[in-house]
C-alpha atoms as a PDB file:
ATOM      1  CA  UNK A   1      28.407 135.014-139.832  1.00  0.00           C
ATOM      2  CA  UNK A   2      24.833 136.121-139.211  1.00  0.00           C
ATOM      3  CA  UNK A   3      23.234 132.942-140.575  1.00  0.00           C
ATOM      4  CA  UNK A   4      24.480 129.350-140.994  1.00  0.00           C
ATOM      5  CA  UNK A   5      23.471 129.313-144.667  1.00  0.00           C
ATOM      6  CA  UNK A   6      22.645 132.165-147.005  1.00  0.00           C
ATOM      7  CA  UNK A   7      19.755 132.138-149.483  1.00  0.00           C
ATOM      8  CA  UNK A   8      19.187 131.235-152.235  1.00  0.00           C
ATOM      9  CA  UNK A   9      20.058 127.546-151.976  1.00  0.00           C
ATOM     10  CA  UNK A  10      23.187 126.905-154.042  1.00  0.00           C
ATOM     11  CA  UNK A  11      24.402 123.570-152.685  1.00  0.00           C
ATOM     12  CA  UNK A  12      24.124 120.654-155.102  1.00  0.00           C
ATOM     13  CA  UNK A  13      26.006 117.472-155.961  1.00  0.00           C
ATOM     14  CA  UNK A  14      28.770 119.498-157.697  1.00  0.00           C
ATOM     15  CA  UNK A  15      30.022 116.539-159.751  1.00  0.00           C
ATOM     16  CA  UNK A  16      32.767 118.646-161.358  1.00  0.00           C
ATOM     17  CA  UNK A  17      34.091 120.089-158.090  1.00  0.00           C
ATOM     18  CA  UNK A  18      37.299 119.141-156.325  1.00  0.00           C
ATOM     19  CA  UNK A  19      36.926 116.309-153.815  1.00  0.00           C
ATOM     20  CA  UNK A  20      37.947 116.711-150.167  1.00  0.00           C
ATOM     21  CA  UNK A  21      38.930 114.286-147.417  1.00  0.00           C
ATOM     22  CA  UNK A  22      35.838 112.161-146.690  1.00  0.00           C
ATOM     23  CA  UNK A  23      36.945 111.233-143.161  1.00  0.00           C
ATOM     24  CA  UNK A  24      37.460 114.843-142.140  1.00  0.00           C
ATOM     25  CA  UNK A  25      34.171 115.931-143.722  1.00  0.00           C
ATOM     26  CA  UNK A  26      32.192 113.181-142.021  1.00  0.00           C
ATOM     27  CA  UNK A  27      33.806 114.014-138.696  1.00  0.00           C
ATOM     28  CA  UNK A  28      32.727 117.641-139.019  1.00  0.00           C
ATOM     29  CA  UNK A  29      29.187 116.591-139.945  1.00  0.00           C
ATOM     30  CA  UNK A  30      29.065 114.219-136.970  1.00  0.00           C
ATOM     31  CA  UNK A  31      30.063 117.026-134.617  1.00  0.00           C
ATOM     32  CA  UNK A  32      27.392 119.319-136.032  1.00  0.00           C
ATOM     33  CA  UNK A  33      24.722 116.626-135.816  1.00  0.00           C
ATOM     34  CA  UNK A  34      25.616 116.231-132.144  1.00  0.00           C
ATOM     35  CA  UNK A  35      25.103 119.969-131.648  1.00  0.00           C
ATOM     36  CA  UNK A  36      21.669 119.923-133.273  1.00  0.00           C
ATOM     37  CA  UNK A  37      20.378 118.295-130.069  1.00  0.00           C
ATOM     38  CA  UNK A  38      20.551 121.732-128.438  1.00  0.00           C
ATOM     39  CA  UNK A  39      20.954 124.127-131.392  1.00  0.00           C
ATOM     40  CA  UNK A  40      17.873 123.883-133.625  1.00  0.00           C
ATOM     41  CA  UNK A  41      18.993 126.956-135.572  1.00  0.00           C
ATOM     42  CA  UNK A  42      21.622 124.878-137.422  1.00  0.00           C
ATOM     43  CA  UNK A  43      19.369 121.861-138.022  1.00  0.00           C
ATOM     44  CA  UNK A  44      18.506 122.529-141.653  1.00  0.00           C
ATOM     45  CA  UNK A  45      21.978 123.615-142.746  1.00  0.00           C
ATOM     46  CA  UNK A  46      23.607 120.608-141.064  1.00  0.00           C
ATOM     47  CA  UNK A  47      21.153 118.074-142.491  1.00  0.00           C
ATOM     48  CA  UNK A  48      21.562 119.561-145.953  1.00  0.00           C
ATOM     49  CA  UNK A  49      25.354 119.253-145.824  1.00  0.00           C
ATOM     50  CA  UNK A  50      25.018 115.728-144.449  1.00  0.00           C
ATOM     51  CA  UNK A  51      23.386 114.603-147.706  1.00  0.00           C
ATOM     52  CA  UNK A  52      26.717 114.838-149.519  1.00  0.00           C
ATOM     53  CA  UNK A  53      28.891 112.722-147.223  1.00  0.00           C
ATOM     54  CA  UNK A  54      29.389 110.022-149.875  1.00  0.00           C
ATOM     55  CA  UNK A  55      31.350 112.317-152.192  1.00  0.00           C
ATOM     56  CA  UNK A  56      31.993 115.712-150.559  1.00  0.00           C
ATOM     57  CA  UNK A  57      33.402 118.575-152.603  1.00  0.00           C
ATOM     58  CA  UNK A  58      35.075 121.856-151.728  1.00  0.00           C
ATOM     59  CA  UNK A  59      31.740 123.681-152.044  1.00  0.00           C
ATOM     60  CA  UNK A  60      30.234 121.384-149.429  1.00  0.00           C
ATOM     61  CA  UNK A  61      33.199 121.874-147.101  1.00  0.00           C
ATOM     62  CA  UNK A  62      32.869 125.646-147.451  1.00  0.00           C
ATOM     63  CA  UNK A  63      29.207 125.394-146.401  1.00  0.00           C
ATOM     64  CA  UNK A  64      30.160 123.318-143.348  1.00  0.00           C
ATOM     65  CA  UNK A  65      32.841 125.826-142.334  1.00  0.00           C
ATOM     66  CA  UNK A  66      30.275 128.612-142.568  1.00  0.00           C
ATOM     67  CA  UNK A  67      28.131 126.769-140.005  1.00  0.00           C
ATOM     68  CA  UNK A  68      31.113 126.569-137.628  1.00  0.00           C
ATOM     69  CA  UNK A  69      31.801 130.298-138.066  1.00  0.00           C
ATOM     70  CA  UNK A  70      28.152 131.007-137.288  1.00  0.00           C
ATOM     71  CA  UNK A  71      28.355 128.884-134.131  1.00  0.00           C
ATOM     72  CA  UNK A  72      31.471 130.708-132.981  1.00  0.00           C
ATOM     73  CA  UNK A  73      29.591 133.999-133.089  1.00  0.00           C
ATOM     74  CA  UNK A  74      26.440 132.716-131.372  1.00  0.00           C
ATOM     75  CA  UNK A  75      27.797 130.738-128.441  1.00  0.00           C
ATOM     76  CA  UNK A  76      25.352 132.483-126.100  1.00  0.00           C
ATOM     77  CA  UNK A  77      22.255 130.919-127.708  1.00  0.00           C
ATOM     78  CA  UNK A  78      20.576 127.858-126.236  1.00  0.00           C
ATOM     79  CA  UNK A  79      17.347 126.285-125.042  1.00  0.00           C
ATOM     80  CA  UNK A  80      15.743 127.490-121.830  1.00  0.00           C
ATOM     81  CA  UNK A  81      12.921 125.805-119.897  1.00  0.00           C
ATOM     82  CA  UNK A  82      11.557 127.960-117.058  1.00  0.00           C
ATOM     83  CA  UNK A  83      10.068 126.057-114.122  1.00  0.00           C
ATOM     84  CA  UNK A  84       6.774 127.964-114.348  1.00  0.00           C
ATOM     85  CA  UNK A  85       6.075 126.832-117.924  1.00  0.00           C
ATOM     86  CA  UNK A  86       2.750 125.195-118.647  1.00  0.00           C
ATOM     87  CA  UNK A  87       2.000 121.959-120.486  1.00  0.00           C
ATOM     88  CA  UNK A  88       0.164 123.209-123.563  1.00  0.00           C
ATOM     89  CA  UNK A  89       1.195 121.055-126.539  1.00  0.00           C
ATOM     90  CA  UNK A  90       1.281 122.532-130.033  1.00  0.00           C
ATOM     91  CA  UNK A  91       2.920 121.568-133.318  1.00  0.00           C
ATOM     92  CA  UNK A  92       4.146 123.530-136.337  1.00  0.00           C
ATOM     93  CA  UNK A  93       4.378 121.873-139.745  1.00  0.00           C
ATOM     94  CA  UNK A  94       5.940 123.259-142.919  1.00  0.00           C
ATOM     95  CA  UNK A  95       7.569 122.141-146.146  1.00  0.00           C
ATOM     96  CA  UNK A  96       9.383 123.586-149.105  1.00  0.00           C
ATOM     97  CA  UNK A  97       8.498 122.369-152.581  1.00  0.00           C
ATOM     98  CA  UNK A  98      11.032 120.446-154.682  1.00  0.00           C
ATOM     99  CA  UNK A  99      13.866 122.057-152.762  1.00  0.00           C
ATOM    100  CA  UNK A 100      16.432 119.356-153.494  1.00  0.00           C
ATOM    101  CA  UNK A 101      18.311 120.095-156.701  1.00  0.00           C
ATOM    102  CA  UNK A 102      19.401 116.464-157.018  1.00  0.00           C
ATOM    103  CA  UNK A 103      16.090 114.572-157.037  1.00  0.00           C
ATOM    104  CA  UNK A 104      13.537 117.432-156.645  1.00  0.00           C
ATOM    105  CA  UNK A 105      12.199 116.043-153.394  1.00  0.00           C
ATOM    106  CA  UNK A 106      10.733 118.382-150.790  1.00  0.00           C
ATOM    107  CA  UNK A 107      11.969 118.928-147.252  1.00  0.00           C
ATOM    108  CA  UNK A 108       9.723 118.448-144.236  1.00  0.00           C
ATOM    109  CA  UNK A 109      10.212 120.764-141.276  1.00  0.00           C
ATOM    110  CA  UNK A 110       8.342 120.489-138.006  1.00  0.00           C
ATOM    111  CA  UNK A 111       8.669 121.493-134.391  1.00  0.00           C
ATOM    112  CA  UNK A 112       6.682 120.831-131.248  1.00  0.00           C
ATOM    113  CA  UNK A 113       6.359 123.179-128.279  1.00  0.00           C
ATOM    114  CA  UNK A 114       5.392 122.211-124.728  1.00  0.00           C
ATOM    115  CA  UNK A 115       4.354 125.118-122.570  1.00  0.00           C
ATOM    116  CA  UNK A 116       5.636 127.505-125.230  1.00  0.00           C
ATOM    117  CA  UNK A 117       9.132 125.964-125.130  1.00  0.00           C
ATOM    118  CA  UNK A 118      10.725 124.032-127.963  1.00  0.00           C
ATOM    119  CA  UNK A 119      11.088 120.347-127.094  1.00  0.00           C
ATOM    120  CA  UNK A 120      11.243 118.578-130.460  1.00  0.00           C
ATOM    121  CA  UNK A 121      12.203 119.535-134.003  1.00  0.00           C
ATOM    122  CA  UNK A 122      13.126 117.864-137.274  1.00  0.00           C
ATOM    123  CA  UNK A 123      14.264 118.604-140.805  1.00  0.00           C
ATOM    124  CA  UNK A 124      14.096 115.694-143.218  1.00  0.00           C
ATOM    125  CA  UNK A 125      13.902 115.185-146.959  1.00  0.00           C
ATOM    126  CA  UNK A 126      10.678 113.465-147.965  1.00  0.00           C
ATOM    127  CA  UNK A 127      10.763 109.918-149.297  1.00  0.00           C
ATOM    128  CA  UNK A 128       8.804 110.640-152.466  1.00  0.00           C
ATOM    129  CA  UNK A 129       8.592 113.459-154.995  1.00  0.00           C
ATOM    130  CA  UNK A 130       5.595 115.725-154.418  1.00  0.00           C
ATOM    131  CA  UNK A 131       3.754 117.034-157.452  1.00  0.00           C
ATOM    132  CA  UNK A 132       2.303 120.091-155.704  1.00  0.00           C
ATOM    133  CA  UNK A 133       2.851 122.318-152.713  1.00  0.00           C
ATOM    134  CA  UNK A 134      -0.359 120.975-151.174  1.00  0.00           C
ATOM    135  CA  UNK A 135       0.963 117.423-151.338  1.00  0.00           C
ATOM    136  CA  UNK A 136       4.315 118.433-149.828  1.00  0.00           C
ATOM    137  CA  UNK A 137       2.576 120.264-146.978  1.00  0.00           C
ATOM    138  CA  UNK A 138       0.163 117.358-146.434  1.00  0.00           C
ATOM    139  CA  UNK A 139       3.020 114.875-146.116  1.00  0.00           C
ATOM    140  CA  UNK A 140       4.780 117.236-143.683  1.00  0.00           C
ATOM    141  CA  UNK A 141       1.605 117.532-141.590  1.00  0.00           C
ATOM    142  CA  UNK A 142       1.421 113.727-141.397  1.00  0.00           C
ATOM    143  CA  UNK A 143       4.991 113.587-140.106  1.00  0.00           C
ATOM    144  CA  UNK A 144       4.239 116.224-137.469  1.00  0.00           C
ATOM    145  CA  UNK A 145       1.092 114.323-136.477  1.00  0.00           C
ATOM    146  CA  UNK A 146       3.111 111.153-135.868  1.00  0.00           C
ATOM    147  CA  UNK A 147       5.475 113.046-133.561  1.00  0.00           C
ATOM    148  CA  UNK A 148       2.571 114.638-131.680  1.00  0.00           C
ATOM    149  CA  UNK A 149       0.980 111.223-131.130  1.00  0.00           C
ATOM    150  CA  UNK A 150       4.253 109.871-129.745  1.00  0.00           C
ATOM    151  CA  UNK A 151       4.580 112.815-127.374  1.00  0.00           C
ATOM    152  CA  UNK A 152       0.989 112.372-126.211  1.00  0.00           C
ATOM    153  CA  UNK A 153       1.711 108.743-125.420  1.00  0.00           C
ATOM    154  CA  UNK A 154       4.833 109.648-123.448  1.00  0.00           C
ATOM    155  CA  UNK A 155       3.091 112.392-121.471  1.00  0.00           C
ATOM    156  CA  UNK A 156       0.362 109.998-120.395  1.00  0.00           C
ATOM    157  CA  UNK A 157       2.913 108.512-117.987  1.00  0.00           C
ATOM    158  CA  UNK A 158       2.844 111.877-116.193  1.00  0.00           C
ATOM    159  CA  UNK A 159      -0.977 112.005-116.043  1.00  0.00           C
ATOM    160  CA  UNK A 160      -1.151 114.496-118.907  1.00  0.00           C
ATOM    161  CA  UNK A 161      -3.965 113.649-121.319  1.00  0.00           C
ATOM    162  CA  UNK A 162      -4.374 115.686-124.488  1.00  0.00           C
ATOM    163  CA  UNK A 163      -7.069 115.915-127.137  1.00  0.00           C
ATOM    164  CA  UNK A 164      -7.491 118.123-130.196  1.00  0.00           C
ATOM    165  CA  UNK A 165      -3.813 119.088-130.169  1.00  0.00           C
ATOM    166  CA  UNK A 166      -3.409 121.936-132.694  1.00  0.00           C
ATOM    167  CA  UNK A 167      -1.001 121.565-135.600  1.00  0.00           C
ATOM    168  CA  UNK A 168      -0.381 124.839-137.411  1.00  0.00           C
ATOM    169  CA  UNK A 169       0.061 124.679-141.178  1.00  0.00           C
ATOM    170  CA  UNK A 170       0.394 127.564-143.637  1.00  0.00           C
ATOM    171  CA  UNK A 171      -1.237 125.772-146.598  1.00  0.00           C
ATOM    172  CA  UNK A 172      -5.026 125.871-146.747  1.00  0.00           C
ATOM    173  CA  UNK A 173      -5.192 123.199-149.467  1.00  0.00           C
ATOM    174  CA  UNK A 174      -3.368 120.674-147.275  1.00  0.00           C
ATOM    175  CA  UNK A 175      -5.772 121.463-144.420  1.00  0.00           C
ATOM    176  CA  UNK A 176      -8.743 120.921-146.729  1.00  0.00           C
ATOM    177  CA  UNK A 177      -7.372 117.540-147.871  1.00  0.00           C
ATOM    178  CA  UNK A 178      -6.850 116.422-144.268  1.00  0.00           C
ATOM    179  CA  UNK A 179     -10.354 117.459-143.192  1.00  0.00           C
ATOM    180  CA  UNK A 180     -12.111 115.926-146.212  1.00  0.00           C
ATOM    181  CA  UNK A 181     -13.052 112.273-145.540  1.00  0.00           C
ATOM    182  CA  UNK A 182     -13.624 111.633-149.264  1.00  0.00           C
ATOM    183  CA  UNK A 183     -10.615 110.513-151.311  1.00  0.00           C
ATOM    184  CA  UNK A 184     -10.650 113.152-154.032  1.00  0.00           C
ATOM    185  CA  UNK A 185      -9.309 112.407-157.493  1.00  0.00           C
ATOM    186  CA  UNK A 186      -6.685 115.127-157.078  1.00  0.00           C
ATOM    187  CA  UNK A 187      -5.275 113.491-153.957  1.00  0.00           C
ATOM    188  CA  UNK A 188      -5.667 109.781-154.725  1.00  0.00           C
ATOM    189  CA  UNK A 189      -2.065 109.555-155.929  1.00  0.00           C
ATOM    190  CA  UNK A 190      -0.775 110.410-152.437  1.00  0.00           C
ATOM    191  CA  UNK A 191       0.472 107.321-150.657  1.00  0.00           C
ATOM    192  CA  UNK A 192      -2.098 105.831-148.292  1.00  0.00           C
ATOM    193  CA  UNK A 193       0.320 105.926-145.353  1.00  0.00           C
ATOM    194  CA  UNK A 194       0.030 109.708-145.271  1.00  0.00           C
ATOM    195  CA  UNK A 195      -3.767 109.629-144.988  1.00  0.00           C
ATOM    196  CA  UNK A 196      -3.688 108.366-141.400  1.00  0.00           C
ATOM    197  CA  UNK A 197      -3.825 112.005-140.319  1.00  0.00           C
ATOM    198  CA  UNK A 198      -7.499 112.054-141.376  1.00  0.00           C
ATOM    199  CA  UNK A 199      -8.267 109.229-138.971  1.00  0.00           C
ATOM    200  CA  UNK A 200      -6.720 111.059-136.032  1.00  0.00           C
ATOM    201  CA  UNK A 201      -8.548 114.268-136.908  1.00  0.00           C
ATOM    202  CA  UNK A 202     -11.859 112.373-136.865  1.00  0.00           C
ATOM    203  CA  UNK A 203     -10.915 110.795-133.516  1.00  0.00           C
ATOM    204  CA  UNK A 204     -10.218 114.212-132.014  1.00  0.00           C
ATOM    205  CA  UNK A 205      -6.536 113.549-131.365  1.00  0.00           C
ATOM    206  CA  UNK A 206      -5.337 116.539-133.366  1.00  0.00           C
ATOM    207  CA  UNK A 207      -6.636 119.565-135.239  1.00  0.00           C
ATOM    208  CA  UNK A 208      -5.158 121.331-138.248  1.00  0.00           C
ATOM    209  CA  UNK A 209      -5.252 125.113-138.159  1.00  0.00           C
ATOM    210  CA  UNK A 210      -4.051 127.725-140.620  1.00  0.00           C
ATOM    211  CA  UNK A 211      -1.236 130.067-139.691  1.00  0.00           C
ATOM    212  CA  UNK A 212       0.233 132.844-141.844  1.00  0.00           C
ATOM    213  CA  UNK A 213       3.603 132.065-143.352  1.00  0.00           C
ATOM    214  CA  UNK A 214       5.169 135.009-141.502  1.00  0.00           C
ATOM    215  CA  UNK A 215       4.374 133.287-138.184  1.00  0.00           C
ATOM    216  CA  UNK A 216       5.262 129.744-139.251  1.00  0.00           C
ATOM    217  CA  UNK A 217       8.070 128.725-136.886  1.00  0.00           C
ATOM    218  CA  UNK A 218       8.794 125.484-138.758  1.00  0.00           C
ATOM    219  CA  UNK A 219       9.977 127.571-141.708  1.00  0.00           C
ATOM    220  CA  UNK A 220      13.361 127.559-139.977  1.00  0.00           C
ATOM    221  CA  UNK A 221      13.800 123.852-140.800  1.00  0.00           C
ATOM    222  CA  UNK A 222      12.910 123.855-144.505  1.00  0.00           C
ATOM    223  CA  UNK A 223      15.087 126.354-146.370  1.00  0.00           C
ATOM    224  CA  UNK A 224      17.874 128.953-146.072  1.00  0.00           C
ATOM    225  CA  UNK A 225      16.520 132.288-144.862  1.00  0.00           C
ATOM    226  CA  UNK A 226      17.647 135.884-145.010  1.00  0.00           C
ATOM    227  CA  UNK A 227      19.093 137.450-141.883  1.00  0.00           C
ATOM    228  CA  UNK A 228      15.951 139.293-140.755  1.00  0.00           C
ATOM    229  CA  UNK A 229      13.645 136.303-141.152  1.00  0.00           C
ATOM    230  CA  UNK A 230      16.180 133.910-139.646  1.00  0.00           C
ATOM    231  CA  UNK A 231      16.745 136.061-136.556  1.00  0.00           C
ATOM    232  CA  UNK A 232      12.992 136.428-136.019  1.00  0.00           C
ATOM    233  CA  UNK A 233      12.441 132.667-136.004  1.00  0.00           C
ATOM    234  CA  UNK A 234      15.517 131.943-133.900  1.00  0.00           C
ATOM    235  CA  UNK A 235      14.411 134.556-131.384  1.00  0.00           C
ATOM    236  CA  UNK A 236      11.059 132.779-131.112  1.00  0.00           C
ATOM    237  CA  UNK A 237      12.573 129.356-130.408  1.00  0.00           C
ATOM    238  CA  UNK A 238      15.917 129.763-128.629  1.00  0.00           C
ATOM    239  CA  UNK A 239      17.153 132.152-125.966  1.00  0.00           C
ATOM    240  CA  UNK A 240      20.207 134.106-124.964  1.00  0.00           C
ATOM    241  CA  UNK A 241      21.479 132.059-122.022  1.00  0.00           C
ATOM    242  CA  UNK A 242      24.526 134.204-121.299  1.00  0.00           C
ATOM    243  CA  UNK A 243      22.806 135.377-118.103  1.00  0.00           C
ATOM    244  CA  UNK A 244      23.508 131.972-116.549  1.00  0.00           C
ATOM    245  CA  UNK A 245      26.390 132.317-114.099  1.00  0.00           C
ATOM    246  CA  UNK A 246      29.284 129.935-114.687  1.00  0.00           C
ATOM    247  CA  UNK A 247      29.519 129.589-110.912  1.00  0.00           C
ATOM    248  CA  UNK A 248      26.414 127.414-111.077  1.00  0.00           C
ATOM    249  CA  UNK A 249      28.204 124.766-113.141  1.00  0.00           C
ATOM    250  CA  UNK A 250      30.793 123.776-110.501  1.00  0.00           C
ATOM    251  CA  UNK A 251      27.924 123.531-107.999  1.00  0.00           C
ATOM    252  CA  UNK A 252      26.083 121.175-110.336  1.00  0.00           C
ATOM    253  CA  UNK A 253      29.097 118.886-110.670  1.00  0.00           C
ATOM    254  CA  UNK A 254      29.716 119.119-106.925  1.00  0.00           C
ATOM    255  CA  UNK A 255      26.187 117.891-106.281  1.00  0.00           C
ATOM    256  CA  UNK A 256      26.805 115.043-108.732  1.00  0.00           C
ATOM    257  CA  UNK A 257      29.916 114.051-106.762  1.00  0.00           C
ATOM    258  CA  UNK A 258      28.033 114.071-103.456  1.00  0.00           C
ATOM    259  CA  UNK A 259      25.249 111.899-104.874  1.00  0.00           C
ATOM    260  CA  UNK A 260      27.286 109.363-106.817  1.00  0.00           C
ATOM    261  CA  UNK A 261      30.762 109.560-105.269  1.00  0.00           C
ATOM    262  CA  UNK A 262      32.628 110.338-108.503  1.00  0.00           C
ATOM    263  CA  UNK A 263      32.935 113.001-111.175  1.00  0.00           C
ATOM    264  CA  UNK A 264      31.709 112.398-114.733  1.00  0.00           C
ATOM    265  CA  UNK A 265      34.600 111.381-116.945  1.00  0.00           C
ATOM    266  CA  UNK A 266      36.381 114.286-118.584  1.00  0.00           C
ATOM    267  CA  UNK A 267      34.731 117.026-116.511  1.00  0.00           C
ATOM    268  CA  UNK A 268      37.408 117.626-113.871  1.00  0.00           C
ATOM    269  CA  UNK A 269      39.514 119.878-116.067  1.00  0.00           C
ATOM    270  CA  UNK A 270      36.399 121.650-117.356  1.00  0.00           C
ATOM    271  CA  UNK A 271      35.210 122.537-113.865  1.00  0.00           C
ATOM    272  CA  UNK A 272      38.708 123.580-112.798  1.00  0.00           C
ATOM    273  CA  UNK A 273      38.919 125.952-115.756  1.00  0.00           C
ATOM    274  CA  UNK A 274      35.529 127.502-114.900  1.00  0.00           C
ATOM    275  CA  UNK A 275      36.605 128.020-111.311  1.00  0.00           C
ATOM    276  CA  UNK A 276      39.850 129.658-112.407  1.00  0.00           C
ATOM    277  CA  UNK A 277      42.116 127.034-110.887  1.00  0.00           C
ATOM    278  CA  UNK A 278      45.303 125.989-112.694  1.00  0.00           C
ATOM    279  CA  UNK A 279      45.811 122.399-113.688  1.00  0.00           C
ATOM    280  CA  UNK A 280      48.115 120.621-111.191  1.00  0.00           C
ATOM    281  CA  UNK A 281      51.482 119.411-112.440  1.00  0.00           C
ATOM    282  CA  UNK A 282      51.718 115.688-113.132  1.00  0.00           C
END
């Protein structure tokens, strides 16, 4: 499989479909959610399938199996943080509009890069129904702003102070709403909790900038994409880590043993397999 989920979006509640084993389905979703900690390219597809854990159908199980087939063919992809990376902080914010076929809620997608390397990402269905693309993008920008503020607070412990952190958004109307201190009649229906982004713009904590949709990296976390678009975004965020020598891994665990006097539980057989040593008879 070239992508974890093919466009257009066809997954829905499927009330007339055949039910599958809930325990097995939830176990598969749990495994995929664990992998999203290091594989952002399956974040959207996994979170979408996770919405139907209460009553999974065969169509949902088929979508989950497609994600596993995609992972099997892309085992060489991963995150890479070179030691000479800088500390420039930047955020990308995006949203689809009424993407959920069940309740017509939009999906927020955001990612944050530190020194040009991906360090945080999210894909989450919004809590309320947006009545316009500008509102959906504005809510997504507020979510990205909250994450940026948290990261700024954490980096202060390392003597890294940031101001005017750029957040890139591909909707000019949402940027205009955030930069306008007057509560316009067309935006007064938006919940007040999302307007805190205006306060932080006025304080100089963040800045909203426009970015063309073709360069919007957060698009990866909002909707299924075609192969060309998907590969472009994945190539901008994750790396081919197959160049890492497996001989480094036994050295890492050996260092762990020297420091702490024991091996992490369950790793002995893994290291032995990497080093080409047979398992001793018991």
